[in-house]
Amino acid sequence: MNGRDENQEPHGASFLVWETDDESSSLLRRLGEHIQQFQERSGLGLSLGPSPVAFPKEGWLQQPLDPFNASDRRFFLQRYWFNDQHRASQDGPVFLLLGGEGSLGPGSVMRGHPATLAPVWGALVISLEHRFYGLSIPAGGLDMAQLRFLSSRHALADVISARLTLSRLFNVSSSSPWICFGGSYAGSLAAWARLKFPHLIFASVASSAPVRAVLDFSEYNNVVSRSLMNTAIGGSPECRAAASAAFAEVKRRLRAGGAAQAALRAELGACGSLGRSEDQAELLGTLQALVGGAVQYDGQVGAPLSVRQLCGLLLGDRDNCSSPAAPYRGLRRAVQVVTRSLGQRCLSFSRAETVTQLRVTEPQVSGVGDRQWLYQTCTEFGYYVTCEDPGCPFSQLPALPSQLDLCEQVFGLSTSSIAKAVAQTNSYYGGQTPGATQVLFVNGDTDPWHVLSVTQALGPSEAVLLIPNASHCLDMAPERPSDPPSLLLARQNIFQQLQTWLQLAKESQVRSGV
């Protein structure tokens, strides 16, 4: 079942350069990928002692393409990484980091909770790349016939299959506790793995896990708006007002057309035409994502802009702050910072170009997986960020219908089917009341995604941590001397929770005579 020579390239995958002309609303995902890669590169340079850190190893698992149909003999190769330098014994714990909607590199087993905590308990650390992302893409491409094998339920089946196979490969004792870790969508998977397979997964730490699927995610921008006013992270009411003024100026110039619109296109890096309302919505959606990204990834290593830096730009022209163009100039500078940091020539593209890119069924091993993730939002989660609430400081475009139309244009999926899929996801997993035991939900209250997670304890064995002024998955980021006390305390609480669980596991091993 295991696999292959680790130097072989998985079939169905090819190495391609990052494409920058993808759907404009994927900016948030691009930021996340950029930060992850930056932190992985940083983490691999660390030394934990006088001798250099052992480089993690890569492996491949042969997994069924359709785990729910025993007569289907097709398979794909799923990548995993492992770090066994701290492993103390066969009956020690296994820390399994789950991959989400992107590629996993060697840094996945060298940083974050599993790698940091492994020396304490002599744990084996393994990370598992999600099917259809990174290099774990089945042969046959990404057409609809293939994508029907892409879902969170398929991913959980992979986790369980991997757990059983890896137990044999690494000679793991049957009494060893397996603990899942994950952040964002992968955090949801970690929680759901414990929920659905408690006999195989002993416990889970779910960081920034949006376990409630939602069609219209207007709450996202509500949190962004609040965070822009949060003085603890460099925000202020003036900053929020400046953001609102900058968007009003963008909309004014779009309405003006002609030379004003042409100048706007050049200044904000819109590579497509802005003549059509749908193309204007693409630009406005990407600008919202830029501001949202500053909040979502505030203060993280590798993030191009923090809230403090963004507010500094928006409020920079203090001598001329009464001019409506002053905040716009700050937004323009913010665009330049982000596009330079991501190595992108353009900020946004025409809607037609977006749709064309998303219809490409050849695997794009860029790590970003825009087509795949769009498919999962259309068939499971929704998560469409809107700004239609009266208090939202940005633009009401793109509205929900245009985002749902993308599912129709790319995959032929109707709005009613998306709404039904979102409801089914919440019914299957339980939304924000999943009822899992031995799961720790960790969130930061400035992260816009925390409103879809579990932030209130549902019982003694379903614990929560809500970290003040912390952004998306910040608890998983590499430790820094500048980390605030609230973050240090949260990591200490995660350690203590693991200690409690592993003590339970040890007592269970003693009772069973292991």
Protein backbone atom coordinates (compact mmCIF):
# COMPACT_ATOMS: atom_id res chain seq x y z
CA MET A 1 0.00 0.00 0.00
CA ASN A 2 2.80 2.40 0.73
CA GLY A 3 4.21 3.45 -2.18
CA ARG A 4 7.22 4.28 -4.02
CA ASP A 5 10.67 5.63 -4.32
CA GLU A 6 10.57 9.08 -2.76
CA ASN A 7 12.48 10.56 -5.68
CA GLN A 8 9.82 9.61 -8.18
CA GLU A 9 7.42 12.26 -9.40
CA PRO A 10 3.73 11.41 -8.84
CA HIS A 11 1.89 10.67 -12.03
CA GLY A 12 -0.66 13.22 -13.12
CA ALA A 13 1.38 16.11 -11.75
CA SER A 14 3.77 18.50 -13.43
CA PHE A 15 5.72 21.46 -12.13
CA LEU A 16 4.35 24.76 -13.37
CA VAL A 17 5.25 28.32 -12.49
CA TRP A 18 2.78 30.30 -10.39
CA GLU A 19 0.06 31.83 -12.52
CA THR A 20 -0.76 35.36 -11.46
CA ASP A 21 -3.80 35.77 -13.68
CA ASP A 22 -6.28 33.82 -11.60
CA GLU A 23 -9.64 34.83 -10.13
CA SER A 24 -9.19 38.20 -8.45
CA SER A 25 -10.99 37.12 -5.28
CA SER A 26 -8.28 34.48 -4.75
CA LEU A 27 -5.98 37.20 -3.39
CA LEU A 28 -6.69 36.06 0.18
CA ARG A 29 -5.61 32.53 -0.72
CA ARG A 30 -2.52 33.83 -2.47
CA LEU A 31 -1.60 35.79 0.66
CA GLY A 32 -2.06 32.69 2.80
CA GLU A 33 0.12 30.61 0.50
CA HIS A 34 2.80 33.34 0.45
CA ILE A 35 2.89 33.51 4.26
CA GLN A 36 2.98 29.71 4.61
CA GLN A 37 5.88 29.40 2.17
CA PHE A 38 7.74 32.28 3.83
CA GLN A 39 7.35 30.69 7.27
CA GLU A 40 8.32 27.24 5.99
CA ARG A 41 11.51 28.64 4.45
CA SER A 42 12.27 30.42 7.73
CA GLY A 43 11.52 27.31 9.79
CA LEU A 44 13.86 25.10 7.79
CA GLY A 45 16.72 27.45 8.58
CA LEU A 46 16.36 26.94 12.33
CA SER A 47 18.79 24.91 14.37
CA LEU A 48 17.63 23.39 17.64
CA GLY A 49 21.13 22.66 18.90
CA PRO A 50 24.78 22.37 17.98
CA SER A 51 24.04 19.95 15.12
CA PRO A 52 21.89 20.95 12.16
CA VAL A 53 18.25 19.87 12.13
CA ALA A 54 17.60 16.62 10.25
CA PHE A 55 15.77 17.38 7.03
CA PRO A 56 12.29 15.85 6.95
CA LYS A 57 11.53 13.00 4.58
CA GLU A 58 8.87 12.72 1.89
CA GLY A 59 6.72 9.68 1.20
CA TRP A 60 3.78 8.62 -0.97
CA LEU A 61 0.69 6.59 -0.19
CA GLN A 62 -1.40 4.72 -2.72
CA GLN A 63 -4.95 5.82 -1.91
CA PRO A 64 -8.26 4.78 -3.49
CA LEU A 65 -9.70 7.49 -5.74
CA ASP A 66 -13.20 6.52 -4.59
CA PRO A 67 -12.94 5.21 -1.02
CA PHE A 68 -16.71 4.73 -0.88
CA ASN A 69 -16.84 2.23 -3.76
CA ALA A 70 -14.85 -0.95 -3.16
CA SER A 71 -15.30 -2.08 -6.77
CA ASP A 72 -13.55 1.03 -8.11
CA ARG A 73 -9.89 -0.01 -8.36
CA ARG A 74 -8.48 3.39 -9.36
CA PHE A 75 -6.00 5.03 -7.04
CA PHE A 76 -3.90 8.16 -6.69
CA LEU A 77 -0.65 8.93 -4.93
CA GLN A 78 -0.90 11.10 -1.85
CA ARG A 79 2.15 12.88 -0.51
CA TYR A 80 3.13 12.97 3.13
CA TRP A 81 6.11 14.28 5.09
CA PHE A 82 7.52 12.87 8.30
CA ASN A 83 9.93 13.96 11.00
CA ASP A 84 11.04 11.15 13.30
CA GLN A 85 14.01 12.84 14.97
CA HIS A 86 12.19 13.15 18.31
CA ARG A 87 10.39 9.80 18.25
CA ALA A 88 11.14 7.98 21.49
CA SER A 89 9.29 4.66 21.22
CA GLN A 90 6.78 2.61 19.23
CA ASP A 91 4.00 3.36 21.70
CA GLY A 92 4.64 7.11 21.74
CA PRO A 93 2.12 9.56 20.30
CA VAL A 94 1.77 10.44 16.62
CA PHE A 95 1.09 14.09 15.75
CA LEU A 96 -0.67 14.24 12.38
CA LEU A 97 -0.87 17.65 10.68
CA LEU A 98 -3.59 17.73 8.04
CA GLY A 99 -3.17 19.67 4.80
CA GLY A 100 -5.87 21.95 3.46
CA GLU A 101 -6.50 23.72 0.17
CA GLY A 102 -2.87 24.03 -0.88
CA SER A 103 0.44 22.20 -1.09
CA LEU A 104 2.41 20.97 1.91
CA GLY A 105 6.17 21.34 2.06
CA PRO A 106 8.85 19.91 4.36
CA GLY A 107 8.36 22.82 6.74
CA SER A 108 4.97 21.36 7.66
CA VAL A 109 6.70 18.86 9.98
CA MET A 110 9.39 21.27 11.19
CA ARG A 111 7.32 24.12 12.63
CA GLY A 112 3.97 24.77 14.32
CA HIS A 113 2.41 22.84 17.19
CA PRO A 114 3.35 19.26 16.18
CA ALA A 115 7.05 19.97 15.62
CA THR A 116 7.35 22.29 18.61
CA LEU A 117 5.67 19.85 21.00
CA ALA A 118 7.12 16.61 19.61
CA PRO A 119 10.37 16.69 21.69
CA VAL A 120 8.38 16.91 24.94
CA TRP A 121 6.48 13.68 24.33
CA GLY A 122 8.81 11.87 21.93
CA ALA A 123 6.22 12.09 19.16
CA LEU A 124 6.46 11.05 15.54
CA VAL A 125 5.36 14.01 13.35
CA ILE A 126 3.60 13.39 10.03
CA SER A 127 1.82 15.77 7.64
CA LEU A 128 -0.63 14.65 4.96
CA GLU A 129 -1.30 16.67 1.81
CA HIS A 130 -4.97 17.01 0.83
CA ARG A 131 -6.14 15.12 -2.25
CA PHE A 132 -6.29 17.27 -5.42
CA TYR A 133 -3.85 19.87 -4.04
CA GLY A 134 -0.10 20.31 -4.31
CA LEU A 135 1.38 17.15 -5.81
CA SER A 136 -1.43 14.86 -4.60
CA ILE A 137 -3.45 15.33 -7.76
CA PRO A 138 -4.98 12.19 -9.31
CA ALA A 139 -4.11 11.35 -12.91
CA GLY A 140 -6.78 12.53 -15.34
CA GLY A 141 -6.92 16.23 -14.60
CA LEU A 142 -9.52 18.42 -12.93
CA ASP A 143 -12.64 17.96 -15.03
CA MET A 144 -16.05 17.45 -13.42
CA ALA A 145 -15.81 13.65 -13.66
CA GLN A 146 -12.68 13.82 -11.50
CA LEU A 147 -13.72 16.58 -9.13
CA ARG A 148 -16.63 14.54 -7.83
CA PHE A 149 -13.94 12.74 -5.81
CA LEU A 150 -12.96 16.01 -4.11
CA SER A 151 -14.73 16.74 -0.85
CA SER A 152 -14.08 16.94 2.87
CA ARG A 153 -15.61 13.46 3.25
CA HIS A 154 -13.12 12.03 0.75
CA ALA A 155 -10.33 13.86 2.57
CA LEU A 156 -11.38 12.33 5.91
CA ALA A 157 -11.43 8.87 4.30
CA ASP A 158 -7.83 9.56 3.19
CA VAL A 159 -6.87 10.55 6.74
CA ILE A 160 -8.18 7.27 8.14
CA SER A 161 -6.65 5.17 5.36
CA ALA A 162 -3.33 6.98 5.88
CA ARG A 163 -3.50 6.51 9.64
CA LEU A 164 -3.92 2.73 9.24
CA THR A 165 -1.23 2.40 6.56
CA LEU A 166 1.29 4.65 8.31
CA SER A 167 0.80 2.71 11.55
CA ARG A 168 2.11 -0.36 9.74
CA LEU A 169 4.86 1.50 7.87
CA PHE A 170 6.26 3.11 11.02
CA ASN A 171 5.51 0.17 13.30
CA VAL A 172 3.30 2.31 15.55
CA SER A 173 1.79 0.51 18.53
CA SER A 174 -1.97 -0.04 18.38
CA SER A 175 -2.22 1.80 21.71
CA SER A 176 -0.39 4.91 20.49
CA PRO A 177 -2.60 8.02 20.51
CA TRP A 178 -2.95 9.82 17.18
CA ILE A 179 -3.59 13.53 17.58
CA CYS A 180 -4.67 15.64 14.60
CA PHE A 181 -3.68 19.26 14.05
CA GLY A 182 -4.84 21.67 11.36
CA GLY A 183 -5.50 25.31 10.61
CA SER A 184 -8.35 26.98 8.72
CA TYR A 185 -10.16 24.41 6.50
CA ALA A 186 -7.62 21.80 7.65
CA GLY A 187 -8.57 22.77 11.22
CA SER A 188 -12.16 21.82 10.41
CA LEU A 189 -10.88 18.52 9.01
CA ALA A 190 -8.95 17.89 12.24
CA ALA A 191 -12.09 18.46 14.32
CA TRP A 192 -14.23 16.36 11.98
CA ALA A 193 -11.68 13.50 11.98
CA ARG A 194 -12.11 13.21 15.74
CA LEU A 195 -15.90 13.69 15.44
CA LYS A 196 -16.40 10.95 12.85
CA PHE A 197 -13.60 8.54 13.82
CA PRO A 198 -13.09 8.79 17.60
CA HIS A 199 -11.84 5.18 17.75
CA LEU A 200 -8.89 6.07 15.48
CA ILE A 201 -8.17 9.73 16.28
CA PHE A 202 -7.57 10.27 20.00
CA ALA A 203 -7.84 14.08 20.04
CA SER A 204 -7.55 17.15 17.80
CA VAL A 205 -6.36 20.74 17.93
CA ALA A 206 -8.41 22.79 15.46
CA SER A 207 -6.97 26.26 14.81
CA SER A 208 -9.15 28.94 13.16
CA ALA A 209 -11.49 26.20 11.93
CA PRO A 210 -14.61 27.54 10.11
CA VAL A 211 -16.81 24.53 10.93
CA ARG A 212 -20.05 26.31 9.98
CA ALA A 213 -20.63 26.48 6.24
CA VAL A 214 -22.44 29.62 5.10
CA LEU A 215 -23.61 30.87 1.73
CA ASP A 216 -23.49 34.62 2.42
CA PHE A 217 -20.46 35.33 4.60
CA SER A 218 -21.26 38.97 5.36
CA GLU A 219 -19.90 38.51 8.89
CA TYR A 220 -16.37 38.44 7.44
CA ASN A 221 -16.39 42.15 6.62
CA ASN A 222 -18.14 42.95 9.91
CA VAL A 223 -15.05 41.62 11.71
CA VAL A 224 -12.72 43.42 9.27
CA SER A 225 -14.57 46.66 9.98
CA ARG A 226 -14.28 46.18 13.76
CA SER A 227 -10.61 45.23 13.51
CA LEU A 228 -9.75 48.37 11.53
CA MET A 229 -10.97 50.31 14.58
CA ASN A 230 -9.07 48.16 17.10
CA THR A 231 -6.39 50.39 18.65
CA ALA A 232 -4.59 47.37 20.15
CA ILE A 233 -3.46 46.29 16.66
CA GLY A 234 -2.94 49.77 15.21
CA GLY A 235 -6.47 50.50 14.05
CA SER A 236 -8.68 53.49 14.84
CA PRO A 237 -12.10 54.90 13.94
CA GLU A 238 -10.21 57.29 11.64
CA CYS A 239 -8.61 54.34 9.84
CA ARG A 240 -11.97 52.69 9.21
CA ALA A 241 -13.34 56.01 7.96
CA ALA A 242 -10.33 56.40 5.66
CA ALA A 243 -10.86 52.90 4.24
CA SER A 244 -14.48 53.77 3.55
CA ALA A 245 -13.43 57.05 1.91
CA ALA A 246 -10.86 55.26 -0.27
CA PHE A 247 -13.49 52.83 -1.57
CA ALA A 248 -15.93 55.69 -2.17
CA GLU A 249 -13.26 57.39 -4.28
CA VAL A 250 -12.63 54.20 -6.27
CA LYS A 251 -16.37 53.89 -6.98
CA ARG A 252 -16.56 57.58 -7.95
CA ARG A 253 -13.76 57.17 -10.47
CA LEU A 254 -15.31 54.01 -11.86
CA ARG A 255 -18.61 55.83 -12.37
CA ALA A 256 -16.87 58.78 -14.01
CA GLY A 257 -15.53 56.56 -16.78
CA GLY A 258 -13.19 57.93 -19.45
CA ALA A 259 -9.84 59.27 -18.33
CA ALA A 260 -10.62 58.87 -14.61
CA GLN A 261 -11.36 55.18 -15.11
CA ALA A 262 -8.29 54.65 -17.28
CA ALA A 263 -6.08 56.28 -14.64
CA LEU A 264 -7.68 54.14 -11.93
CA ARG A 265 -6.99 51.01 -13.94
CA ALA A 266 -3.30 51.90 -14.26
CA GLU A 267 -2.91 53.06 -10.65
CA LEU A 268 -4.55 50.02 -9.02
CA GLY A 269 -3.06 47.35 -11.24
CA ALA A 270 -6.26 46.22 -12.94
CA CYS A 271 -5.00 44.31 -15.98
CA GLY A 272 -8.41 43.76 -17.48
CA SER A 273 -10.89 46.29 -18.81
CA LEU A 274 -13.01 48.21 -16.30
CA GLY A 275 -15.73 49.11 -18.75
CA ARG A 276 -18.16 46.40 -17.67
CA SER A 277 -19.82 46.34 -14.26
CA GLU A 278 -18.72 42.73 -13.73
CA ASP A 279 -15.09 43.74 -14.29
CA GLN A 280 -15.47 46.65 -11.86
CA ALA A 281 -16.83 44.17 -9.31
CA GLU A 282 -13.70 42.00 -9.78
CA LEU A 283 -11.49 44.98 -8.92
CA LEU A 284 -13.60 46.04 -5.94
CA GLY A 285 -13.67 42.46 -4.64
CA THR A 286 -9.89 42.22 -4.85
CA LEU A 287 -9.44 45.56 -3.06
CA GLN A 288 -11.73 44.27 -0.30
CA ALA A 289 -9.60 41.13 -0.10
CA LEU A 290 -6.47 43.27 0.21
CA VAL A 291 -7.91 45.09 3.23
CA GLY A 292 -9.38 41.86 4.60
CA GLY A 293 -6.01 40.17 4.17
CA ALA A 294 -4.27 42.84 6.27
CA VAL A 295 -6.73 41.99 9.07
CA GLN A 296 -6.81 38.21 8.53
CA TYR A 297 -3.02 37.87 8.59
CA ASP A 298 -2.26 40.81 10.87
CA GLY A 299 1.16 40.67 12.47
CA GLN A 300 2.29 37.44 10.83
CA VAL A 301 5.79 36.77 9.52
CA GLY A 302 5.68 37.12 5.74
CA ALA A 303 2.46 39.16 5.62
CA PRO A 304 2.94 42.16 3.29
CA LEU A 305 0.73 44.48 5.35
CA SER A 306 -0.39 44.60 8.97
CA VAL A 307 -3.40 46.59 10.15
CA ARG A 308 -1.01 49.16 11.64
CA GLN A 309 0.85 49.52 8.31
CA LEU A 310 -2.36 49.68 6.27
CA CYS A 311 -3.82 52.35 8.54
CA GLY A 312 -0.53 54.24 8.33
CA LEU A 313 -0.86 54.31 4.54
CA LEU A 314 -4.56 55.25 4.53
CA LEU A 315 -3.96 58.06 7.04
CA GLY A 316 -0.48 58.95 5.80
CA ASP A 317 -1.23 62.33 4.22
CA ARG A 318 -2.13 64.01 7.52
CA ASP A 319 -1.57 67.52 6.14
CA ASN A 320 -4.08 66.92 3.40
CA CYS A 321 -6.42 64.44 5.06
CA SER A 322 -9.49 66.53 4.19
CA SER A 323 -8.92 65.68 0.52
CA PRO A 324 -11.06 62.69 -0.57
CA ALA A 325 -8.12 61.55 -2.67
CA ALA A 326 -5.76 61.18 0.34
CA PRO A 327 -7.08 57.79 1.57
CA TYR A 328 -7.26 56.67 -2.07
CA ARG A 329 -3.56 57.41 -2.46
CA GLY A 330 -2.92 55.30 0.64
CA LEU A 331 -4.94 52.43 -0.83
CA ARG A 332 -2.97 52.75 -4.03
CA ARG A 333 0.30 52.45 -2.09
CA ALA A 334 -1.10 49.41 -0.26
CA VAL A 335 -1.83 47.79 -3.63
CA GLN A 336 1.78 48.38 -4.69
CA VAL A 337 3.12 46.83 -1.47
CA VAL A 338 0.98 43.68 -1.85
CA THR A 339 1.49 43.11 -5.57
CA ARG A 340 5.26 43.58 -5.19
CA SER A 341 5.35 41.21 -2.24
CA LEU A 342 3.42 38.51 -4.11
CA GLY A 343 5.39 39.05 -7.31
CA GLN A 344 2.22 39.85 -9.23
CA ARG A 345 2.04 42.08 -12.27
CA CYS A 346 -1.68 42.70 -11.80
CA LEU A 347 -4.10 43.01 -8.93
CA SER A 348 -7.24 41.99 -10.80
CA PHE A 349 -8.45 40.76 -14.18
CA SER A 350 -11.60 40.85 -16.22
CA ARG A 351 -14.41 38.52 -15.22
CA ALA A 352 -14.07 36.71 -18.55
CA GLU A 353 -10.37 36.08 -17.91
CA THR A 354 -11.16 34.83 -14.41
CA VAL A 355 -13.72 32.37 -15.76
CA THR A 356 -11.33 31.21 -18.52
CA GLN A 357 -8.59 30.51 -15.97
CA LEU A 358 -10.93 28.64 -13.64
CA ARG A 359 -12.17 26.44 -16.48
CA VAL A 360 -8.66 25.08 -17.12
CA THR A 361 -8.73 21.37 -16.22
CA GLU A 362 -4.99 20.74 -16.50
CA PRO A 363 -3.42 20.43 -13.04
CA GLN A 364 -1.71 23.68 -12.03
CA VAL A 365 0.82 22.56 -9.45
CA SER A 366 1.25 26.08 -8.11
CA GLY A 367 0.13 25.08 -4.64
CA VAL A 368 -2.85 27.41 -4.82
CA GLY A 369 -5.53 25.22 -6.44
CA ASP A 370 -8.07 27.93 -7.28
CA ARG A 371 -10.29 25.68 -9.42
CA GLN A 372 -10.34 22.95 -6.79
CA TRP A 373 -11.16 25.29 -3.91
CA LEU A 374 -13.88 27.05 -5.90
CA TYR A 375 -15.40 23.62 -6.51
CA GLN A 376 -15.40 22.87 -2.78
CA THR A 377 -17.07 26.20 -2.00
CA CYS A 378 -19.70 25.48 -4.67
CA THR A 379 -20.39 21.92 -3.47
CA GLU A 380 -19.84 22.11 0.31
CA PHE A 381 -19.05 25.38 2.05
CA GLY A 382 -20.13 28.62 0.36
CA TYR A 383 -17.99 31.14 2.30
CA TYR A 384 -18.80 33.92 -0.21
CA VAL A 385 -17.67 37.19 1.35
CA THR A 386 -20.15 40.03 0.80
CA CYS A 387 -20.47 43.64 1.89
CA GLU A 388 -24.22 44.21 1.73
CA ASP A 389 -24.78 45.10 5.39
CA PRO A 390 -25.42 48.85 5.90
CA GLY A 391 -22.39 49.16 8.20
CA CYS A 392 -19.92 47.62 5.75
CA PRO A 393 -17.26 50.23 4.87
CA PHE A 394 -16.36 48.88 1.44
CA SER A 395 -18.29 48.35 -1.79
CA GLN A 396 -21.48 46.34 -2.13
CA LEU A 397 -19.90 44.80 -5.21
CA PRO A 398 -19.29 41.98 -5.86
CA ALA A 399 -22.75 40.97 -4.65
CA LEU A 400 -23.65 37.41 -3.72
CA PRO A 401 -25.41 36.58 -7.02
CA SER A 402 -22.30 37.33 -9.08
CA GLN A 403 -20.22 35.05 -6.84
CA LEU A 404 -22.78 32.26 -7.13
CA ASP A 405 -22.83 32.77 -10.91
CA LEU A 406 -19.18 31.72 -10.94
CA CYS A 407 -20.26 28.20 -9.86
CA GLU A 408 -22.67 28.15 -12.79
CA GLN A 409 -20.18 29.56 -15.30
CA VAL A 410 -17.29 27.28 -14.30
CA PHE A 411 -19.04 24.09 -13.20
CA GLY A 412 -22.64 24.39 -14.37
CA LEU A 413 -23.90 24.29 -10.76
CA SER A 414 -27.13 26.12 -9.90
CA THR A 415 -27.60 28.53 -6.99
CA SER A 416 -30.19 26.22 -5.42
CA SER A 417 -27.73 23.31 -5.47
CA ILE A 418 -25.10 25.43 -3.68
CA ALA A 419 -27.53 26.47 -0.95
CA LYS A 420 -28.60 22.83 -0.53
CA ALA A 421 -24.96 21.67 -0.34
CA VAL A 422 -24.17 24.22 2.40
CA ALA A 423 -27.16 23.02 4.43
CA GLN A 424 -26.12 19.39 3.98
CA THR A 425 -22.57 20.16 5.18
CA ASN A 426 -23.89 21.70 8.39
CA SER A 427 -26.32 18.83 8.87
CA TYR A 428 -23.55 16.24 8.41
CA TYR A 429 -20.91 17.84 10.65
CA GLY A 430 -23.11 19.80 13.07
CA GLY A 431 -21.99 23.34 12.23
CA GLN A 432 -20.88 25.21 15.35
CA THR A 433 -22.21 22.49 17.66
CA PRO A 434 -20.40 19.43 16.27
CA GLY A 435 -20.60 17.44 19.52
CA ALA A 436 -17.04 16.10 19.25
CA THR A 437 -15.09 15.21 22.38
CA GLN A 438 -11.40 15.86 22.99
CA VAL A 439 -11.21 18.70 20.47
CA LEU A 440 -9.60 22.04 21.29
CA PHE A 441 -10.84 24.91 19.11
CA VAL A 442 -8.31 27.77 18.97
CA ASN A 443 -9.23 31.16 17.45
CA GLY A 444 -8.11 34.77 17.39
CA ASP A 445 -10.78 37.42 17.83
CA THR A 446 -9.48 39.69 15.05
CA ASP A 447 -9.60 36.82 12.55
CA PRO A 448 -12.71 37.26 10.38
CA TRP A 449 -13.13 33.45 10.24
CA HIS A 450 -13.56 33.02 14.00
CA VAL A 451 -17.27 33.79 13.71
CA LEU A 452 -17.72 30.45 11.86
CA SER A 453 -15.76 28.46 14.45
CA VAL A 454 -16.50 27.20 17.95
CA THR A 455 -15.65 30.01 20.37
CA GLN A 456 -17.74 29.01 23.39
CA ALA A 457 -17.08 25.78 25.28
CA LEU A 458 -19.78 23.22 24.53
CA GLY A 459 -18.78 20.91 27.35
CA PRO A 460 -15.80 19.80 29.45
CA SER A 461 -14.26 17.78 26.61
CA GLU A 462 -14.88 20.30 23.82
CA ALA A 463 -12.62 23.15 24.90
CA VAL A 464 -12.05 26.56 23.33
CA LEU A 465 -9.37 29.23 23.32
CA LEU A 466 -10.18 32.71 22.02
CA ILE A 467 -6.97 34.73 21.80
CA PRO A 468 -7.37 38.53 22.11
CA ASN A 469 -6.10 40.57 19.13
CA ALA A 470 -4.85 37.44 17.30
CA SER A 471 -5.21 36.80 13.59
CA HIS A 472 -5.88 33.70 11.47
CA CYS A 473 -3.98 30.60 12.69
CA LEU A 474 -1.55 32.85 14.58
CA ASP A 475 -1.14 30.21 17.30
CA MET A 476 0.40 27.90 14.65
CA ALA A 477 2.97 30.45 13.46
CA PRO A 478 6.64 30.14 14.49
CA GLU A 479 7.35 31.60 17.92
CA ARG A 480 8.96 35.04 18.02
CA PRO A 481 10.45 37.15 20.81
CA SER A 482 7.86 39.83 20.00
CA ASP A 483 4.86 37.52 20.58
CA PRO A 484 2.39 39.20 22.99
CA PRO A 485 1.64 37.65 26.41
CA SER A 486 -1.86 36.60 25.27
CA LEU A 487 -0.35 34.45 22.50
CA LEU A 488 2.25 32.94 24.83
CA LEU A 489 -0.51 32.09 27.29
CA ALA A 490 -2.61 30.49 24.54
CA ARG A 491 0.29 28.27 23.44
CA GLN A 492 0.81 27.31 27.08
CA ASN A 493 -2.88 26.36 27.31
CA ILE A 494 -2.56 24.22 24.17
CA PHE A 495 0.43 22.48 25.78
CA GLN A 496 -1.53 21.86 28.99
CA GLN A 497 -4.52 20.49 27.08
CA LEU A 498 -2.25 18.06 25.22
CA GLN A 499 -0.66 17.08 28.52
CA THR A 500 -4.11 16.23 29.92
CA TRP A 501 -5.06 14.18 26.86
CA LEU A 502 -1.76 12.29 26.70
CA GLN A 503 -2.01 11.49 30.40
CA LEU A 504 -5.43 9.97 29.65
CA ALA A 505 -3.88 7.95 26.85
CA LYS A 506 -1.07 6.72 29.12
CA GLU A 507 -3.56 5.66 31.79
CA SER A 508 -5.51 3.79 29.12
CA GLN A 509 -2.30 2.05 27.99
CA VAL A 510 -1.56 1.00 31.59
CA ARG A 511 -5.08 -0.38 32.05
CA SER A 512 -4.82 -2.41 28.85
CA GLY A 513 -1.44 -3.76 29.93
CA VAL A 514 0.60 -2.13 27.15
